[in-house]
Structure formats: C-alpha cells, structure tokens
Amino acid sequence: MNKFVVVFGLALSGLVAGAAQAQTVTDTDGNGVYSIEELKAAYPAVDAAKFAEIDQNGDGAVDADELQAAIEGGKL
C-alpha cells in the first residue's frame, strides 16, 4: 500500500508540473492568428528567430496549427 501511495503521489506531481508549464496564448487583436508580441506574452523566451521557426509557412503570423505543432514538437 505504501509503495502505491508513493508512486501515485509522484505521478500526480508530474501531472501538476506539466499543467503548470502549459501556457495560454491570447489573440489580443482578434485576427485569428498570433503575432510575435502575443506569443511573447505567454512565452517570454520567444525571439524573432524562434518565431520564424514556429511560423512554418513564413507569413509573419502563427496560426493555431503552427502553434500546436510547436508545442508538440517541444519548440515552446
């Protein structure tokens, strides 16, 4: 029983830590895509080079699919 509690506690703490890392990017101007400023608000380490890496189609904005790919790919 004690081993189960320890393992369960460790698993739960990992879930909480993962949830704390999740960020919310807000489309403040409502145009349906994210600018570098909007990404920086959620991810302060985003610079022009990182933004260009995330902006896969090079249109100067990050759409929802590009954002999801960046998160899943560990870029954010």
N, C-alpha and C. Protein backbone atom coordinates (compact mmCIF):
# COMPACT_ATOMS: atom_id res chain seq x y z
N MET A 1 0.82 -1.19 0.00
CA MET A 1 0.00 0.00 0.00
C MET A 1 0.86 1.26 0.00
N ASN A 2 1.92 1.29 0.81
CA ASN A 2 2.77 2.47 0.88
C ASN A 2 3.45 2.74 -0.46
N LYS A 3 3.87 1.67 -1.15
CA LYS A 3 4.51 1.86 -2.46
C LYS A 3 3.53 2.48 -3.45
N PHE A 4 2.27 2.04 -3.39
CA PHE A 4 1.25 2.59 -4.28
C PHE A 4 1.07 4.08 -4.01
N VAL A 5 1.03 4.48 -2.78
CA VAL A 5 0.83 5.88 -2.42
C VAL A 5 1.99 6.72 -2.93
N VAL A 6 3.20 6.22 -2.78
CA VAL A 6 4.39 6.95 -3.24
C VAL A 6 4.36 7.09 -4.76
N VAL A 7 4.10 6.00 -5.46
CA VAL A 7 4.06 6.03 -6.93
C VAL A 7 2.93 6.94 -7.40
N PHE A 8 1.78 6.83 -6.80
CA PHE A 8 0.64 7.67 -7.17
C PHE A 8 0.97 9.14 -6.92
N GLY A 9 1.59 9.42 -5.80
CA GLY A 9 1.98 10.80 -5.48
C GLY A 9 2.97 11.36 -6.48
N LEU A 10 3.94 10.57 -6.88
CA LEU A 10 4.91 11.01 -7.87
C LEU A 10 4.24 11.25 -9.22
N ALA A 11 3.35 10.37 -9.61
CA ALA A 11 2.63 10.53 -10.89
C ALA A 11 1.78 11.79 -10.85
N LEU A 12 1.10 12.02 -9.76
CA LEU A 12 0.25 13.19 -9.62
C LEU A 12 1.09 14.46 -9.65
N SER A 13 2.24 14.47 -9.00
CA SER A 13 3.08 15.66 -9.01
C SER A 13 3.59 15.94 -10.42
N GLY A 14 3.83 14.90 -11.22
CA GLY A 14 4.24 15.08 -12.61
C GLY A 14 3.14 15.70 -13.44
N LEU A 15 1.90 15.30 -13.19
CA LEU A 15 0.77 15.89 -13.91
C LEU A 15 0.60 17.35 -13.55
N VAL A 16 0.74 17.68 -12.29
CA VAL A 16 0.61 19.06 -11.85
C VAL A 16 1.73 19.91 -12.45
N ALA A 17 2.94 19.39 -12.48
CA ALA A 17 4.06 20.14 -13.06
C ALA A 17 3.82 20.37 -14.54
N GLY A 18 3.32 19.37 -15.25
CA GLY A 18 3.03 19.52 -16.67
C GLY A 18 1.95 20.55 -16.91
N ALA A 19 0.95 20.58 -16.06
CA ALA A 19 -0.12 21.57 -16.21
C ALA A 19 0.40 22.97 -15.94
N ALA A 20 1.32 23.10 -15.04
CA ALA A 20 1.88 24.42 -14.73
C ALA A 20 2.68 24.97 -15.90
N GLN A 21 3.23 24.08 -16.74
CA GLN A 21 4.03 24.52 -17.86
C GLN A 21 3.17 24.97 -19.03
N ALA A 22 1.91 24.52 -19.10
CA ALA A 22 1.04 24.89 -20.20
C ALA A 22 0.75 26.39 -20.14
N GLN A 23 0.88 27.04 -21.29
CA GLN A 23 0.65 28.47 -21.37
C GLN A 23 -0.56 28.72 -22.26
N THR A 24 -1.20 29.86 -22.06
CA THR A 24 -2.31 30.26 -22.90
C THR A 24 -1.87 31.44 -23.74
N VAL A 25 -1.93 31.28 -25.05
CA VAL A 25 -1.63 32.37 -25.96
C VAL A 25 -2.95 33.03 -26.32
N THR A 26 -3.01 34.34 -26.18
CA THR A 26 -4.24 35.07 -26.44
C THR A 26 -4.11 35.89 -27.72
N ASP A 27 -5.09 35.76 -28.58
CA ASP A 27 -5.16 36.54 -29.81
C ASP A 27 -5.79 37.90 -29.45
N THR A 28 -4.98 38.81 -28.96
CA THR A 28 -5.49 40.07 -28.40
C THR A 28 -6.14 40.97 -29.43
N ASP A 29 -5.71 40.90 -30.69
CA ASP A 29 -6.32 41.76 -31.70
C ASP A 29 -7.45 41.07 -32.46
N GLY A 30 -7.69 39.81 -32.17
CA GLY A 30 -8.82 39.08 -32.73
C GLY A 30 -8.72 38.78 -34.22
N ASN A 31 -7.52 38.74 -34.78
CA ASN A 31 -7.38 38.50 -36.21
C ASN A 31 -7.26 37.02 -36.58
N GLY A 32 -7.32 36.13 -35.60
CA GLY A 32 -7.30 34.70 -35.86
C GLY A 32 -5.94 34.06 -35.93
N VAL A 33 -4.88 34.85 -35.79
CA VAL A 33 -3.51 34.34 -35.78
C VAL A 33 -2.75 35.05 -34.66
N TYR A 34 -1.53 34.56 -34.38
CA TYR A 34 -0.74 35.10 -33.27
C TYR A 34 0.48 35.84 -33.80
N SER A 35 0.71 37.03 -33.27
CA SER A 35 1.89 37.82 -33.60
C SER A 35 3.01 37.45 -32.64
N ILE A 36 4.20 37.95 -32.92
CA ILE A 36 5.32 37.70 -32.02
C ILE A 36 5.03 38.28 -30.64
N GLU A 37 4.38 39.43 -30.58
CA GLU A 37 4.06 40.04 -29.28
C GLU A 37 3.09 39.17 -28.49
N GLU A 38 2.11 38.59 -29.18
CA GLU A 38 1.13 37.73 -28.50
C GLU A 38 1.80 36.46 -27.99
N LEU A 39 2.73 35.89 -28.77
CA LEU A 39 3.45 34.71 -28.30
C LEU A 39 4.38 35.05 -27.14
N LYS A 40 5.05 36.20 -27.23
CA LYS A 40 5.98 36.60 -26.16
C LYS A 40 5.25 36.80 -24.83
N ALA A 41 3.99 37.21 -24.88
CA ALA A 41 3.22 37.41 -23.65
C ALA A 41 3.08 36.08 -22.89
N ALA A 42 2.94 34.98 -23.61
CA ALA A 42 2.80 33.67 -22.99
C ALA A 42 4.14 32.96 -22.83
N TYR A 43 5.05 33.20 -23.78
CA TYR A 43 6.36 32.54 -23.81
C TYR A 43 7.44 33.62 -23.96
N PRO A 44 7.88 34.23 -22.86
CA PRO A 44 8.83 35.35 -22.92
C PRO A 44 10.13 35.06 -23.65
N ALA A 45 10.51 33.81 -23.77
CA ALA A 45 11.78 33.48 -24.43
C ALA A 45 11.67 33.52 -25.96
N VAL A 46 10.48 33.71 -26.50
CA VAL A 46 10.31 33.75 -27.95
C VAL A 46 10.98 35.01 -28.50
N ASP A 47 11.93 34.81 -29.41
CA ASP A 47 12.56 35.94 -30.10
C ASP A 47 12.24 35.81 -31.59
N ALA A 48 12.79 36.70 -32.40
CA ALA A 48 12.48 36.70 -33.83
C ALA A 48 12.87 35.38 -34.50
N ALA A 49 14.00 34.81 -34.11
CA ALA A 49 14.44 33.55 -34.71
C ALA A 49 13.50 32.40 -34.34
N LYS A 50 13.11 32.33 -33.08
CA LYS A 50 12.19 31.28 -32.63
C LYS A 50 10.83 31.45 -33.29
N PHE A 51 10.37 32.71 -33.40
CA PHE A 51 9.09 32.97 -34.05
C PHE A 51 9.12 32.51 -35.51
N ALA A 52 10.20 32.81 -36.21
CA ALA A 52 10.34 32.40 -37.61
C ALA A 52 10.35 30.88 -37.73
N GLU A 53 10.94 30.21 -36.77
CA GLU A 53 10.98 28.74 -36.76
C GLU A 53 9.57 28.17 -36.58
N ILE A 54 8.78 28.80 -35.75
CA ILE A 54 7.41 28.34 -35.47
C ILE A 54 6.49 28.67 -36.65
N ASP A 55 6.70 29.82 -37.28
CA ASP A 55 5.90 30.28 -38.42
C ASP A 55 6.29 29.48 -39.66
N GLN A 56 5.77 28.27 -39.75
CA GLN A 56 6.19 27.32 -40.78
C GLN A 56 5.93 27.79 -42.21
N ASN A 57 4.86 28.55 -42.45
CA ASN A 57 4.57 28.98 -43.81
C ASN A 57 5.15 30.36 -44.14
N GLY A 58 5.81 30.98 -43.15
CA GLY A 58 6.52 32.23 -43.38
C GLY A 58 5.65 33.44 -43.67
N ASP A 59 4.39 33.41 -43.21
CA ASP A 59 3.50 34.52 -43.48
C ASP A 59 3.56 35.64 -42.44
N GLY A 60 4.44 35.50 -41.46
CA GLY A 60 4.60 36.55 -40.45
C GLY A 60 3.63 36.45 -39.29
N ALA A 61 2.88 35.35 -39.24
CA ALA A 61 1.94 35.11 -38.15
C ALA A 61 1.92 33.61 -37.86
N VAL A 62 1.54 33.26 -36.64
CA VAL A 62 1.44 31.86 -36.24
C VAL A 62 -0.02 31.51 -36.09
N ASP A 63 -0.47 30.52 -36.87
CA ASP A 63 -1.86 30.10 -36.74
C ASP A 63 -1.96 28.99 -35.70
N ALA A 64 -3.18 28.53 -35.44
CA ALA A 64 -3.41 27.53 -34.40
C ALA A 64 -2.67 26.23 -34.68
N ASP A 65 -2.62 25.82 -35.95
CA ASP A 65 -1.93 24.57 -36.29
C ASP A 65 -0.42 24.70 -36.07
N GLU A 66 0.15 25.84 -36.43
CA GLU A 66 1.59 26.06 -36.22
C GLU A 66 1.91 26.12 -34.73
N LEU A 67 1.03 26.75 -33.96
CA LEU A 67 1.23 26.82 -32.51
C LEU A 67 1.20 25.42 -31.91
N GLN A 68 0.20 24.63 -32.30
CA GLN A 68 0.09 23.26 -31.78
C GLN A 68 1.31 22.43 -32.15
N ALA A 69 1.77 22.57 -33.39
CA ALA A 69 2.97 21.83 -33.83
C ALA A 69 4.19 22.23 -33.02
N ALA A 70 4.32 23.52 -32.72
CA ALA A 70 5.45 24.00 -31.93
C ALA A 70 5.41 23.45 -30.51
N ILE A 71 4.22 23.40 -29.94
CA ILE A 71 4.08 22.86 -28.57
C ILE A 71 4.39 21.37 -28.57
N GLU A 72 3.79 20.64 -29.50
CA GLU A 72 4.01 19.19 -29.57
C GLU A 72 5.45 18.84 -29.94
N GLY A 73 6.09 19.71 -30.72
CA GLY A 73 7.47 19.47 -31.12
C GLY A 73 8.50 19.95 -30.12
N GLY A 74 8.04 20.49 -29.00
CA GLY A 74 8.95 20.94 -27.95
C GLY A 74 9.65 22.26 -28.24
N LYS A 75 9.14 23.01 -29.20
CA LYS A 75 9.73 24.30 -29.52
C LYS A 75 9.27 25.38 -28.54
N LEU A 76 8.17 25.13 -27.87
CA LEU A 76 7.66 26.05 -26.85
C LEU A 76 7.50 25.31 -25.54
